[in-house]
């Protein structure tokens, strides 16, 4: 990676933050402020979460001019290294300590964030526009299944529109977090469904039960291994996953399929999906939010 030009770095930072100013409103206080090479700052990523800053870098340290700029702001700022092999919680870089979970707002919806939760802090900002679209498409009487749900952000968005949701994840702590996100928005978790376990298992179980959904969100990890040792790889197995999910859709239902696997082109992802589906569906793609200006790694395909 080419070294950053320190002399121009403060100007680059200020420019990146300034062009995102309009995205911060009373309804949304969590956005990406710096997006690496897309802002002329390769390897540097900065997000604001309700005025608390999270810096991520691909290098093992913080560029001195970036640290100086952050210290001058006086805001709470935590830092983590982007390392898939050593996933650690962020550490305080400067400003007041943030010792407890707190709430952000995204298009009027509250989500719980924690800087002590490990490598991920409770929400993925690159899915903001997809969550908004899910909320727009849902209405009372419709049913959404959110798989690999993490802290249930898609479920909350759908429930805010009146939909009945089923939230599925392997982790009980994340399911409990999802329930808190419901409660933070005056939504009763008891009016919705939460399932712990493997997505492939539950999709087959729902099929045997005759369950049907109007919408299903599929956003799996790039690589995983189930309790029986079976390996899932996005580039090989997403089509099988989508085919199982499609069997549960109502006639007018839709799938949202997402992956952040860098080595797969959007057309390759779409082809894998369409060639394995049990019925004919049309595909459309959505771009990443405007604050993500670096490599458009997130691929989002809507199947209808």
C-alpha atoms as a PDB file:
ATOM      1  CA  UNK A   1       0.000   0.000   0.000  1.00  0.00           C
ATOM      2  CA  UNK A   2       1.330   3.445  -0.882  1.00  0.00           C
ATOM      3  CA  UNK A   3       2.144   5.632   2.168  1.00  0.00           C
ATOM      4  CA  UNK A   4      -0.285   8.408   2.976  1.00  0.00           C
ATOM      5  CA  UNK A   5       0.800  11.950   2.205  1.00  0.00           C
ATOM      6  CA  UNK A   6       0.796  13.366   5.712  1.00  0.00           C
ATOM      7  CA  UNK A   7       0.935  16.987   4.539  1.00  0.00           C
ATOM      8  CA  UNK A   8      -2.452  16.681   2.858  1.00  0.00           C
ATOM      9  CA  UNK A   9      -4.071  14.277   5.280  1.00  0.00           C
ATOM     10  CA  UNK A  10      -5.924  16.832   7.468  1.00  0.00           C
ATOM     11  CA  UNK A  11      -7.444  18.386   4.360  1.00  0.00           C
ATOM     12  CA  UNK A  12      -8.510  14.959   3.085  1.00  0.00           C
ATOM     13  CA  UNK A  13     -10.103  14.142   6.426  1.00  0.00           C
ATOM     14  CA  UNK A  14     -11.964  17.436   6.589  1.00  0.00           C
ATOM     15  CA  UNK A  15     -13.195  17.025   3.012  1.00  0.00           C
ATOM     16  CA  UNK A  16     -14.427  13.490   3.652  1.00  0.00           C
ATOM     17  CA  UNK A  17     -16.314  14.513   6.788  1.00  0.00           C
ATOM     18  CA  UNK A  18     -17.758  17.649   5.179  1.00  0.00           C
ATOM     19  CA  UNK A  19     -19.265  15.843   2.200  1.00  0.00           C
ATOM     20  CA  UNK A  20     -21.183  13.542   4.549  1.00  0.00           C
ATOM     21  CA  UNK A  21     -22.556  16.320   6.722  1.00  0.00           C
ATOM     22  CA  UNK A  22     -25.961  16.213   5.042  1.00  0.00           C
ATOM     23  CA  UNK A  23     -26.367  12.529   5.903  1.00  0.00           C
ATOM     24  CA  UNK A  24     -26.373  13.311   9.614  1.00  0.00           C
ATOM     25  CA  UNK A  25     -29.856  14.368  10.692  1.00  0.00           C
ATOM     26  CA  UNK A  26     -32.078  14.178  13.739  1.00  0.00           C
ATOM     27  CA  UNK A  27     -33.304  10.812  12.438  1.00  0.00           C
ATOM     28  CA  UNK A  28     -29.879   9.356  11.512  1.00  0.00           C
ATOM     29  CA  UNK A  29     -26.765   9.860  13.632  1.00  0.00           C
ATOM     30  CA  UNK A  30     -24.617   6.935  12.464  1.00  0.00           C
ATOM     31  CA  UNK A  31     -22.711   7.138   9.158  1.00  0.00           C
ATOM     32  CA  UNK A  32     -19.289   6.390   7.718  1.00  0.00           C
ATOM     33  CA  UNK A  33     -17.203   9.566   7.729  1.00  0.00           C
ATOM     34  CA  UNK A  34     -14.073   8.249   5.998  1.00  0.00           C
ATOM     35  CA  UNK A  35     -14.075   5.315   3.593  1.00  0.00           C
ATOM     36  CA  UNK A  36     -10.484   4.489   2.833  1.00  0.00           C
ATOM     37  CA  UNK A  37      -9.204   4.953  -0.703  1.00  0.00           C
ATOM     38  CA  UNK A  38     -12.586   6.357  -1.739  1.00  0.00           C
ATOM     39  CA  UNK A  39     -11.613   9.460   0.217  1.00  0.00           C
ATOM     40  CA  UNK A  40      -7.919   9.386  -0.626  1.00  0.00           C
ATOM     41  CA  UNK A  41      -7.083   7.740   2.704  1.00  0.00           C
ATOM     42  CA  UNK A  42      -6.391   4.062   1.930  1.00  0.00           C
ATOM     43  CA  UNK A  43      -6.673   1.755   4.899  1.00  0.00           C
ATOM     44  CA  UNK A  44      -8.419   4.352   7.098  1.00  0.00           C
ATOM     45  CA  UNK A  45     -12.120   4.057   7.961  1.00  0.00           C
ATOM     46  CA  UNK A  46     -13.999   6.266  10.403  1.00  0.00           C
ATOM     47  CA  UNK A  47     -17.614   6.007  11.552  1.00  0.00           C
ATOM     48  CA  UNK A  48     -19.673   8.117  13.889  1.00  0.00           C
ATOM     49  CA  UNK A  49     -22.157   6.383  16.136  1.00  0.00           C
ATOM     50  CA  UNK A  50     -24.248   9.006  17.927  1.00  0.00           C
ATOM     51  CA  UNK A  51     -21.212  11.327  18.188  1.00  0.00           C
ATOM     52  CA  UNK A  52     -18.952   8.490  19.359  1.00  0.00           C
ATOM     53  CA  UNK A  53     -16.252   7.690  16.828  1.00  0.00           C
ATOM     54  CA  UNK A  54     -14.998   4.306  15.688  1.00  0.00           C
ATOM     55  CA  UNK A  55     -11.743   4.259  13.717  1.00  0.00           C
ATOM     56  CA  UNK A  56     -10.690   1.134  11.829  1.00  0.00           C
ATOM     57  CA  UNK A  57      -7.368   0.703  10.045  1.00  0.00           C
ATOM     58  CA  UNK A  58      -5.797  -2.060   7.994  1.00  0.00           C
ATOM     59  CA  UNK A  59      -2.388  -1.199   9.445  1.00  0.00           C
ATOM     60  CA  UNK A  60      -1.331  -2.149  12.948  1.00  0.00           C
ATOM     61  CA  UNK A  61      -1.183   1.448  14.113  1.00  0.00           C
ATOM     62  CA  UNK A  62      -2.948   4.777  13.674  1.00  0.00           C
ATOM     63  CA  UNK A  63      -1.392   7.314  11.265  1.00  0.00           C
ATOM     64  CA  UNK A  64      -0.064  10.185  13.418  1.00  0.00           C
ATOM     65  CA  UNK A  65      -1.973  12.897  11.544  1.00  0.00           C
ATOM     66  CA  UNK A  66      -5.208  10.941  11.896  1.00  0.00           C
ATOM     67  CA  UNK A  67      -4.605  10.600  15.640  1.00  0.00           C
ATOM     68  CA  UNK A  68      -3.883  14.324  15.924  1.00  0.00           C
ATOM     69  CA  UNK A  69      -7.069  15.224  14.085  1.00  0.00           C
ATOM     70  CA  UNK A  70      -9.147  12.937  16.295  1.00  0.00           C
ATOM     71  CA  UNK A  71      -7.565  14.183  19.514  1.00  0.00           C
ATOM     72  CA  UNK A  72      -8.243  17.773  18.463  1.00  0.00           C
ATOM     73  CA  UNK A  73     -11.978  16.999  18.071  1.00  0.00           C
ATOM     74  CA  UNK A  74     -12.287  15.919  21.710  1.00  0.00           C
ATOM     75  CA  UNK A  75     -14.882  13.242  20.949  1.00  0.00           C
ATOM     76  CA  UNK A  76     -14.799   9.720  22.291  1.00  0.00           C
ATOM     77  CA  UNK A  77     -12.919   7.620  19.757  1.00  0.00           C
ATOM     78  CA  UNK A  78     -12.219   3.893  19.774  1.00  0.00           C
ATOM     79  CA  UNK A  79      -9.869   2.095  17.398  1.00  0.00           C
ATOM     80  CA  UNK A  80      -9.637  -1.425  16.031  1.00  0.00           C
ATOM     81  CA  UNK A  81      -7.374  -3.099  13.515  1.00  0.00           C
ATOM     82  CA  UNK A  82      -9.122  -4.746  10.591  1.00  0.00           C
ATOM     83  CA  UNK A  83      -7.761  -8.256  10.990  1.00  0.00           C
ATOM     84  CA  UNK A  84      -9.823 -11.341  10.147  1.00  0.00           C
ATOM     85  CA  UNK A  85      -7.405 -13.582  12.057  1.00  0.00           C
ATOM     86  CA  UNK A  86      -7.351 -11.645  15.333  1.00  0.00           C
ATOM     87  CA  UNK A  87     -10.798 -10.188  15.882  1.00  0.00           C
ATOM     88  CA  UNK A  88     -10.636  -7.994  18.959  1.00  0.00           C
ATOM     89  CA  UNK A  89     -12.824  -5.352  20.549  1.00  0.00           C
ATOM     90  CA  UNK A  90     -11.935  -1.727  19.841  1.00  0.00           C
ATOM     91  CA  UNK A  91      -9.708   0.070  22.345  1.00  0.00           C
ATOM     92  CA  UNK A  92     -10.075   3.663  23.476  1.00  0.00           C
ATOM     93  CA  UNK A  93      -7.882   5.939  21.392  1.00  0.00           C
ATOM     94  CA  UNK A  94      -8.825   9.327  22.795  1.00  0.00           C
ATOM     95  CA  UNK A  95     -11.652  11.263  24.426  1.00  0.00           C
ATOM     96  CA  UNK A  96     -14.015  10.119  27.191  1.00  0.00           C
ATOM     97  CA  UNK A  97     -14.441   6.403  27.821  1.00  0.00           C
ATOM     98  CA  UNK A  98     -17.581   4.710  26.482  1.00  0.00           C
ATOM     99  CA  UNK A  99     -18.082   1.941  29.007  1.00  0.00           C
ATOM    100  CA  UNK A 100     -21.714   1.027  28.415  1.00  0.00           C
ATOM    101  CA  UNK A 101     -23.889   0.175  25.419  1.00  0.00           C
ATOM    102  CA  UNK A 102     -25.660   3.153  23.859  1.00  0.00           C
ATOM    103  CA  UNK A 103     -28.258   3.848  21.191  1.00  0.00           C
ATOM    104  CA  UNK A 104     -27.879   5.216  17.701  1.00  0.00           C
ATOM    105  CA  UNK A 105     -30.667   6.354  15.405  1.00  0.00           C
ATOM    106  CA  UNK A 106     -31.052   5.295  11.800  1.00  0.00           C
ATOM    107  CA  UNK A 107     -33.967   6.801   9.909  1.00  0.00           C
ATOM    108  CA  UNK A 108     -35.821   7.108  13.189  1.00  0.00           C
ATOM    109  CA  UNK A 109     -35.115   3.566  14.416  1.00  0.00           C
ATOM    110  CA  UNK A 110     -32.983   2.990  17.516  1.00  0.00           C
ATOM    111  CA  UNK A 111     -30.275   0.323  17.602  1.00  0.00           C
ATOM    112  CA  UNK A 112     -28.046  -0.674  20.496  1.00  0.00           C
ATOM    113  CA  UNK A 113     -24.288  -0.320  19.977  1.00  0.00           C
ATOM    114  CA  UNK A 114     -21.435  -1.559  22.150  1.00  0.00           C
ATOM    115  CA  UNK A 115     -17.709  -0.901  21.868  1.00  0.00           C
ATOM    116  CA  UNK A 116     -17.100  -3.808  24.266  1.00  0.00           C
ATOM    117  CA  UNK A 117     -18.920  -6.482  22.244  1.00  0.00           C
ATOM    118  CA  UNK A 118     -15.997  -7.860  20.264  1.00  0.00           C
ATOM    119  CA  UNK A 119     -15.022  -7.279  16.651  1.00  0.00           C
ATOM    120  CA  UNK A 120     -18.482  -6.054  15.553  1.00  0.00           C
ATOM    121  CA  UNK A 121     -20.348  -3.304  17.386  1.00  0.00           C
ATOM    122  CA  UNK A 122     -23.986  -4.244  16.763  1.00  0.00           C
ATOM    123  CA  UNK A 123     -24.853  -2.945  13.309  1.00  0.00           C
ATOM    124  CA  UNK A 124     -23.430  -2.852   9.791  1.00  0.00           C
ATOM    125  CA  UNK A 125     -23.881   0.634   8.376  1.00  0.00           C
ATOM    126  CA  UNK A 126     -23.391  -0.574   4.805  1.00  0.00           C
ATOM    127  CA  UNK A 127     -26.853  -2.181   5.013  1.00  0.00           C
ATOM    128  CA  UNK A 128     -28.628   1.098   5.837  1.00  0.00           C
ATOM    129  CA  UNK A 129     -30.355   1.511   2.481  1.00  0.00           C
ATOM    130  CA  UNK A 130     -31.384  -2.150   2.374  1.00  0.00           C
ATOM    131  CA  UNK A 131     -32.965  -1.833   5.805  1.00  0.00           C
ATOM    132  CA  UNK A 132     -34.872   1.217   4.616  1.00  0.00           C
ATOM    133  CA  UNK A 133     -36.114  -0.690   1.576  1.00  0.00           C
ATOM    134  CA  UNK A 134     -37.223  -3.633   3.714  1.00  0.00           C
ATOM    135  CA  UNK A 135     -39.181  -1.240   5.905  1.00  0.00           C
ATOM    136  CA  UNK A 136     -40.773   0.342   2.827  1.00  0.00           C
ATOM    137  CA  UNK A 137     -41.840  -3.006   1.416  1.00  0.00           C
ATOM    138  CA  UNK A 138     -43.304  -4.395   4.621  1.00  0.00           C
ATOM    139  CA  UNK A 139     -46.768  -3.736   6.048  1.00  0.00           C
ATOM    140  CA  UNK A 140     -49.133  -5.268   8.614  1.00  0.00           C
ATOM    141  CA  UNK A 141     -50.044  -8.843   7.776  1.00  0.00           C
ATOM    142  CA  UNK A 142     -46.779  -9.660   6.000  1.00  0.00           C
ATOM    143  CA  UNK A 143     -44.198 -12.057   7.450  1.00  0.00           C
ATOM    144  CA  UNK A 144     -40.431 -11.644   7.231  1.00  0.00           C
ATOM    145  CA  UNK A 145     -37.756 -14.256   7.968  1.00  0.00           C
ATOM    146  CA  UNK A 146     -34.373 -12.770   8.848  1.00  0.00           C
ATOM    147  CA  UNK A 147     -31.611 -15.392   8.727  1.00  0.00           C
ATOM    148  CA  UNK A 148     -28.032 -14.998  10.013  1.00  0.00           C
ATOM    149  CA  UNK A 149     -29.733 -12.116  11.770  1.00  0.00           C
ATOM    150  CA  UNK A 150     -26.950 -10.945  14.120  1.00  0.00           C
ATOM    151  CA  UNK A 151     -28.650  -8.290  16.299  1.00  0.00           C
ATOM    152  CA  UNK A 152     -31.866  -8.313  14.271  1.00  0.00           C
ATOM    153  CA  UNK A 153     -31.674  -4.935  12.539  1.00  0.00           C
ATOM    154  CA  UNK A 154     -33.600  -6.107   9.456  1.00  0.00           C
ATOM    155  CA  UNK A 155     -36.242  -7.618  11.732  1.00  0.00           C
ATOM    156  CA  UNK A 156     -36.695  -4.374  13.629  1.00  0.00           C
ATOM    157  CA  UNK A 157     -36.990  -2.408  10.381  1.00  0.00           C
ATOM    158  CA  UNK A 158     -39.726  -4.768   9.152  1.00  0.00           C
ATOM    159  CA  UNK A 159     -41.520  -4.769  12.495  1.00  0.00           C
ATOM    160  CA  UNK A 160     -41.573  -0.963  12.490  1.00  0.00           C
ATOM    161  CA  UNK A 161     -43.726  -1.256   9.367  1.00  0.00           C
ATOM    162  CA  UNK A 162     -46.108  -3.628  11.140  1.00  0.00           C
ATOM    163  CA  UNK A 163     -44.792  -6.944   9.797  1.00  0.00           C
ATOM    164  CA  UNK A 164     -44.544 -10.146  11.810  1.00  0.00           C
ATOM    165  CA  UNK A 165     -40.897 -11.235  11.970  1.00  0.00           C
ATOM    166  CA  UNK A 166     -38.890 -14.376  12.631  1.00  0.00           C
ATOM    167  CA  UNK A 167     -35.278 -13.754  13.646  1.00  0.00           C
ATOM    168  CA  UNK A 168     -32.815 -16.617  13.248  1.00  0.00           C
ATOM    169  CA  UNK A 169     -29.218 -16.790  14.463  1.00  0.00           C
ATOM    170  CA  UNK A 170     -26.764 -19.316  15.917  1.00  0.00           C
ATOM    171  CA  UNK A 171     -25.951 -17.061  18.885  1.00  0.00           C
ATOM    172  CA  UNK A 172     -28.280 -16.691  21.861  1.00  0.00           C
ATOM    173  CA  UNK A 173     -26.502 -13.494  23.019  1.00  0.00           C
ATOM    174  CA  UNK A 174     -27.192 -11.930  19.613  1.00  0.00           C
ATOM    175  CA  UNK A 175     -30.829 -13.020  19.746  1.00  0.00           C
ATOM    176  CA  UNK A 176     -31.102 -11.402  23.180  1.00  0.00           C
ATOM    177  CA  UNK A 177     -29.534  -8.267  21.704  1.00  0.00           C
ATOM    178  CA  UNK A 178     -32.115  -8.375  18.909  1.00  0.00           C
ATOM    179  CA  UNK A 179     -34.918  -8.517  21.464  1.00  0.00           C
ATOM    180  CA  UNK A 180     -33.478  -5.443  23.177  1.00  0.00           C
ATOM    181  CA  UNK A 181     -33.469  -3.652  19.817  1.00  0.00           C
ATOM    182  CA  UNK A 182     -37.179  -4.419  19.550  1.00  0.00           C
ATOM    183  CA  UNK A 183     -37.764  -3.045  23.033  1.00  0.00           C
ATOM    184  CA  UNK A 184     -35.736   0.109  22.314  1.00  0.00           C
ATOM    185  CA  UNK A 185     -38.341   0.911  19.645  1.00  0.00           C
ATOM    186  CA  UNK A 186     -41.432   0.151  21.760  1.00  0.00           C
ATOM    187  CA  UNK A 187     -41.927  -3.131  19.887  1.00  0.00           C
ATOM    188  CA  UNK A 188     -42.975  -6.159  21.938  1.00  0.00           C
ATOM    189  CA  UNK A 189     -40.505  -9.031  21.308  1.00  0.00           C
ATOM    190  CA  UNK A 190     -43.187 -11.482  22.443  1.00  0.00           C
ATOM    191  CA  UNK A 191     -45.215 -10.596  19.346  1.00  0.00           C
ATOM    192  CA  UNK A 192     -42.402 -11.916  17.146  1.00  0.00           C
ATOM    193  CA  UNK A 193     -40.412 -15.134  16.797  1.00  0.00           C
ATOM    194  CA  UNK A 194     -36.765 -15.837  17.636  1.00  0.00           C
ATOM    195  CA  UNK A 195     -35.028 -19.068  16.633  1.00  0.00           C
ATOM    196  CA  UNK A 196     -31.567 -20.232  17.675  1.00  0.00           C
ATOM    197  CA  UNK A 197     -29.670 -22.567  15.368  1.00  0.00           C
ATOM    198  CA  UNK A 198     -28.317 -23.325  11.929  1.00  0.00           C
ATOM    199  CA  UNK A 199     -30.111 -21.606   9.044  1.00  0.00           C
ATOM    200  CA  UNK A 200     -30.047 -24.647   6.743  1.00  0.00           C
ATOM    201  CA  UNK A 201     -31.620 -26.745   9.501  1.00  0.00           C
ATOM    202  CA  UNK A 202     -34.355 -24.209  10.183  1.00  0.00           C
ATOM    203  CA  UNK A 203     -35.179 -23.679   6.512  1.00  0.00           C
ATOM    204  CA  UNK A 204     -35.774 -27.422   6.100  1.00  0.00           C
ATOM    205  CA  UNK A 205     -37.737 -27.507   9.354  1.00  0.00           C
ATOM    206  CA  UNK A 206     -39.951 -24.612   8.298  1.00  0.00           C
ATOM    207  CA  UNK A 207     -40.628 -26.397   4.994  1.00  0.00           C
ATOM    208  CA  UNK A 208     -41.777 -29.532   6.822  1.00  0.00           C
ATOM    209  CA  UNK A 209     -44.000 -27.400   9.029  1.00  0.00           C
ATOM    210  CA  UNK A 210     -45.576 -25.730   6.013  1.00  0.00           C
ATOM    211  CA  UNK A 211     -44.411 -22.287   7.105  1.00  0.00           C
ATOM    212  CA  UNK A 212     -44.440 -19.537   4.487  1.00  0.00           C
ATOM    213  CA  UNK A 213     -42.953 -16.057   4.429  1.00  0.00           C
ATOM    214  CA  UNK A 214     -43.551 -12.987   2.293  1.00  0.00           C
ATOM    215  CA  UNK A 215     -39.920 -11.887   2.557  1.00  0.00           C
ATOM    216  CA  UNK A 216     -36.642 -13.560   3.493  1.00  0.00           C
ATOM    217  CA  UNK A 217     -33.273 -11.914   4.161  1.00  0.00           C
ATOM    218  CA  UNK A 218     -30.147 -13.998   3.490  1.00  0.00           C
ATOM    219  CA  UNK A 219     -26.900 -12.331   4.603  1.00  0.00           C
ATOM    220  CA  UNK A 220     -24.575 -15.201   5.615  1.00  0.00           C
ATOM    221  CA  UNK A 221     -20.908 -15.046   6.578  1.00  0.00           C
ATOM    222  CA  UNK A 222     -18.489 -15.656   3.730  1.00  0.00           C
ATOM    223  CA  UNK A 223     -17.313 -18.884   5.357  1.00  0.00           C
ATOM    224  CA  UNK A 224     -18.765 -20.974   8.167  1.00  0.00           C
ATOM    225  CA  UNK A 225     -18.855 -24.516   9.507  1.00  0.00           C
ATOM    226  CA  UNK A 226     -21.916 -26.025  11.192  1.00  0.00           C
ATOM    227  CA  UNK A 227     -21.953 -28.236  14.294  1.00  0.00           C
ATOM    228  CA  UNK A 228     -21.654 -31.352  12.106  1.00  0.00           C
ATOM    229  CA  UNK A 229     -18.594 -29.985  10.338  1.00  0.00           C
ATOM    230  CA  UNK A 230     -20.302 -29.094   7.050  1.00  0.00           C
ATOM    231  CA  UNK A 231     -18.606 -26.128   5.409  1.00  0.00           C
ATOM    232  CA  UNK A 232     -20.466 -23.209   3.825  1.00  0.00           C
ATOM    233  CA  UNK A 233     -18.693 -21.016   1.283  1.00  0.00           C
ATOM    234  CA  UNK A 234     -20.530 -18.127  -0.338  1.00  0.00           C
ATOM    235  CA  UNK A 235     -18.948 -18.670  -3.746  1.00  0.00           C
ATOM    236  CA  UNK A 236     -20.066 -22.327  -3.802  1.00  0.00           C
ATOM    237  CA  UNK A 237     -23.120 -22.722  -1.568  1.00  0.00           C
ATOM    238  CA  UNK A 238     -25.182 -19.509  -1.635  1.00  0.00           C
ATOM    239  CA  UNK A 239     -27.313 -20.862  -4.462  1.00  0.00           C
ATOM    240  CA  UNK A 240     -28.298 -23.889  -2.383  1.00  0.00           C
ATOM    241  CA  UNK A 241     -29.197 -21.590   0.497  1.00  0.00           C
ATOM    242  CA  UNK A 242     -31.324 -19.338  -1.727  1.00  0.00           C
ATOM    243  CA  UNK A 243     -33.090 -22.352  -3.257  1.00  0.00           C
ATOM    244  CA  UNK A 244     -34.105 -23.642   0.171  1.00  0.00           C
ATOM    245  CA  UNK A 245     -35.343 -20.196   1.171  1.00  0.00           C
ATOM    246  CA  UNK A 246     -37.296 -19.726  -2.065  1.00  0.00           C
ATOM    247  CA  UNK A 247     -39.332 -22.848  -1.279  1.00  0.00           C
ATOM    248  CA  UNK A 248     -40.753 -20.989   1.734  1.00  0.00           C
ATOM    249  CA  UNK A 249     -41.851 -17.887  -0.164  1.00  0.00           C
ATOM    250  CA  UNK A 250     -45.446 -16.949  -0.813  1.00  0.00           C
ATOM    251  CA  UNK A 251     -46.290 -16.494  -4.535  1.00  0.00           C
ATOM    252  CA  UNK A 252     -45.576 -12.756  -4.400  1.00  0.00           C
ATOM    253  CA  UNK A 253     -42.692 -13.064  -1.957  1.00  0.00           C
ATOM    254  CA  UNK A 254     -39.120 -11.828  -2.354  1.00  0.00           C
ATOM    255  CA  UNK A 255     -35.583 -12.669  -1.260  1.00  0.00           C
ATOM    256  CA  UNK A 256     -32.830 -10.230  -0.344  1.00  0.00           C
ATOM    257  CA  UNK A 257     -29.467 -11.961  -0.863  1.00  0.00           C
ATOM    258  CA  UNK A 258     -26.302 -10.197   0.312  1.00  0.00           C
ATOM    259  CA  UNK A 259     -22.603 -10.984   0.417  1.00  0.00           C
ATOM    260  CA  UNK A 260     -19.466  -8.969   1.110  1.00  0.00           C
ATOM    261  CA  UNK A 261     -17.223 -11.570  -0.548  1.00  0.00           C
ATOM    262  CA  UNK A 262     -14.718  -9.427  -2.454  1.00  0.00           C
ATOM    263  CA  UNK A 263     -13.653 -12.025  -5.011  1.00  0.00           C
ATOM    264  CA  UNK A 264     -17.145 -12.489  -6.471  1.00  0.00           C
ATOM    265  CA  UNK A 265     -18.431 -10.152  -9.163  1.00  0.00           C
ATOM    266  CA  UNK A 266     -22.084  -9.009  -8.983  1.00  0.00           C
ATOM    267  CA  UNK A 267     -22.940 -10.896 -12.179  1.00  0.00           C
ATOM    268  CA  UNK A 268     -21.326 -14.076 -10.804  1.00  0.00           C
ATOM    269  CA  UNK A 269     -23.388 -13.778  -7.653  1.00  0.00           C
ATOM    270  CA  UNK A 270     -26.591 -13.230  -9.622  1.00  0.00           C
ATOM    271  CA  UNK A 271     -25.847 -16.158 -11.939  1.00  0.00           C
ATOM    272  CA  UNK A 272     -25.282 -18.525  -9.019  1.00  0.00           C
ATOM    273  CA  UNK A 273     -28.618 -17.509  -7.521  1.00  0.00           C
ATOM    274  CA  UNK A 274     -30.733 -17.651 -10.676  1.00  0.00           C
ATOM    275  CA  UNK A 275     -29.359 -21.017 -11.835  1.00  0.00           C
ATOM    276  CA  UNK A 276     -30.281 -22.757  -8.585  1.00  0.00           C
ATOM    277  CA  UNK A 277     -33.692 -21.295  -7.764  1.00  0.00           C
ATOM    278  CA  UNK A 278     -36.639 -23.718  -7.936  1.00  0.00           C
ATOM    279  CA  UNK A 279     -38.787 -21.175  -9.818  1.00  0.00           C
ATOM    280  CA  UNK A 280     -38.233 -18.303 -12.193  1.00  0.00           C
ATOM    281  CA  UNK A 281     -37.471 -15.015 -10.454  1.00  0.00           C
ATOM    282  CA  UNK A 282     -36.168 -11.657 -11.593  1.00  0.00           C
ATOM    283  CA  UNK A 283     -33.073 -10.072 -10.076  1.00  0.00           C
ATOM    284  CA  UNK A 284     -32.259  -6.445  -9.313  1.00  0.00           C
ATOM    285  CA  UNK A 285     -29.213  -4.959  -7.601  1.00  0.00           C
ATOM    286  CA  UNK A 286     -28.872  -2.098  -5.131  1.00  0.00           C
ATOM    287  CA  UNK A 287     -25.800   0.063  -4.649  1.00  0.00           C
ATOM    288  CA  UNK A 288     -24.097   0.744  -1.358  1.00  0.00           C
ATOM    289  CA  UNK A 289     -25.004   3.857   0.671  1.00  0.00           C
ATOM    290  CA  UNK A 290     -23.538   7.177  -0.454  1.00  0.00           C
ATOM    291  CA  UNK A 291     -21.079   7.363   2.448  1.00  0.00           C
ATOM    292  CA  UNK A 292     -19.342   4.184   1.200  1.00  0.00           C
ATOM    293  CA  UNK A 293     -17.058   5.489  -1.543  1.00  0.00           C
ATOM    294  CA  UNK A 294     -14.308   2.857  -1.532  1.00  0.00           C
ATOM    295  CA  UNK A 295     -14.542  -0.535  -3.254  1.00  0.00           C
ATOM    296  CA  UNK A 296     -18.256  -1.511  -3.563  1.00  0.00           C
ATOM    297  CA  UNK A 297     -17.709  -4.856  -1.857  1.00  0.00           C
ATOM    298  CA  UNK A 298     -21.299  -5.423  -0.700  1.00  0.00           C
ATOM    299  CA  UNK A 299     -23.429  -7.129  -3.313  1.00  0.00           C
ATOM    300  CA  UNK A 300     -27.189  -7.004  -2.730  1.00  0.00           C
ATOM    301  CA  UNK A 301     -29.536  -8.895  -5.052  1.00  0.00           C
ATOM    302  CA  UNK A 302     -33.312  -8.685  -4.702  1.00  0.00           C
ATOM    303  CA  UNK A 303     -35.122 -11.696  -6.164  1.00  0.00           C
ATOM    304  CA  UNK A 304     -38.812 -11.365  -6.935  1.00  0.00           C
END
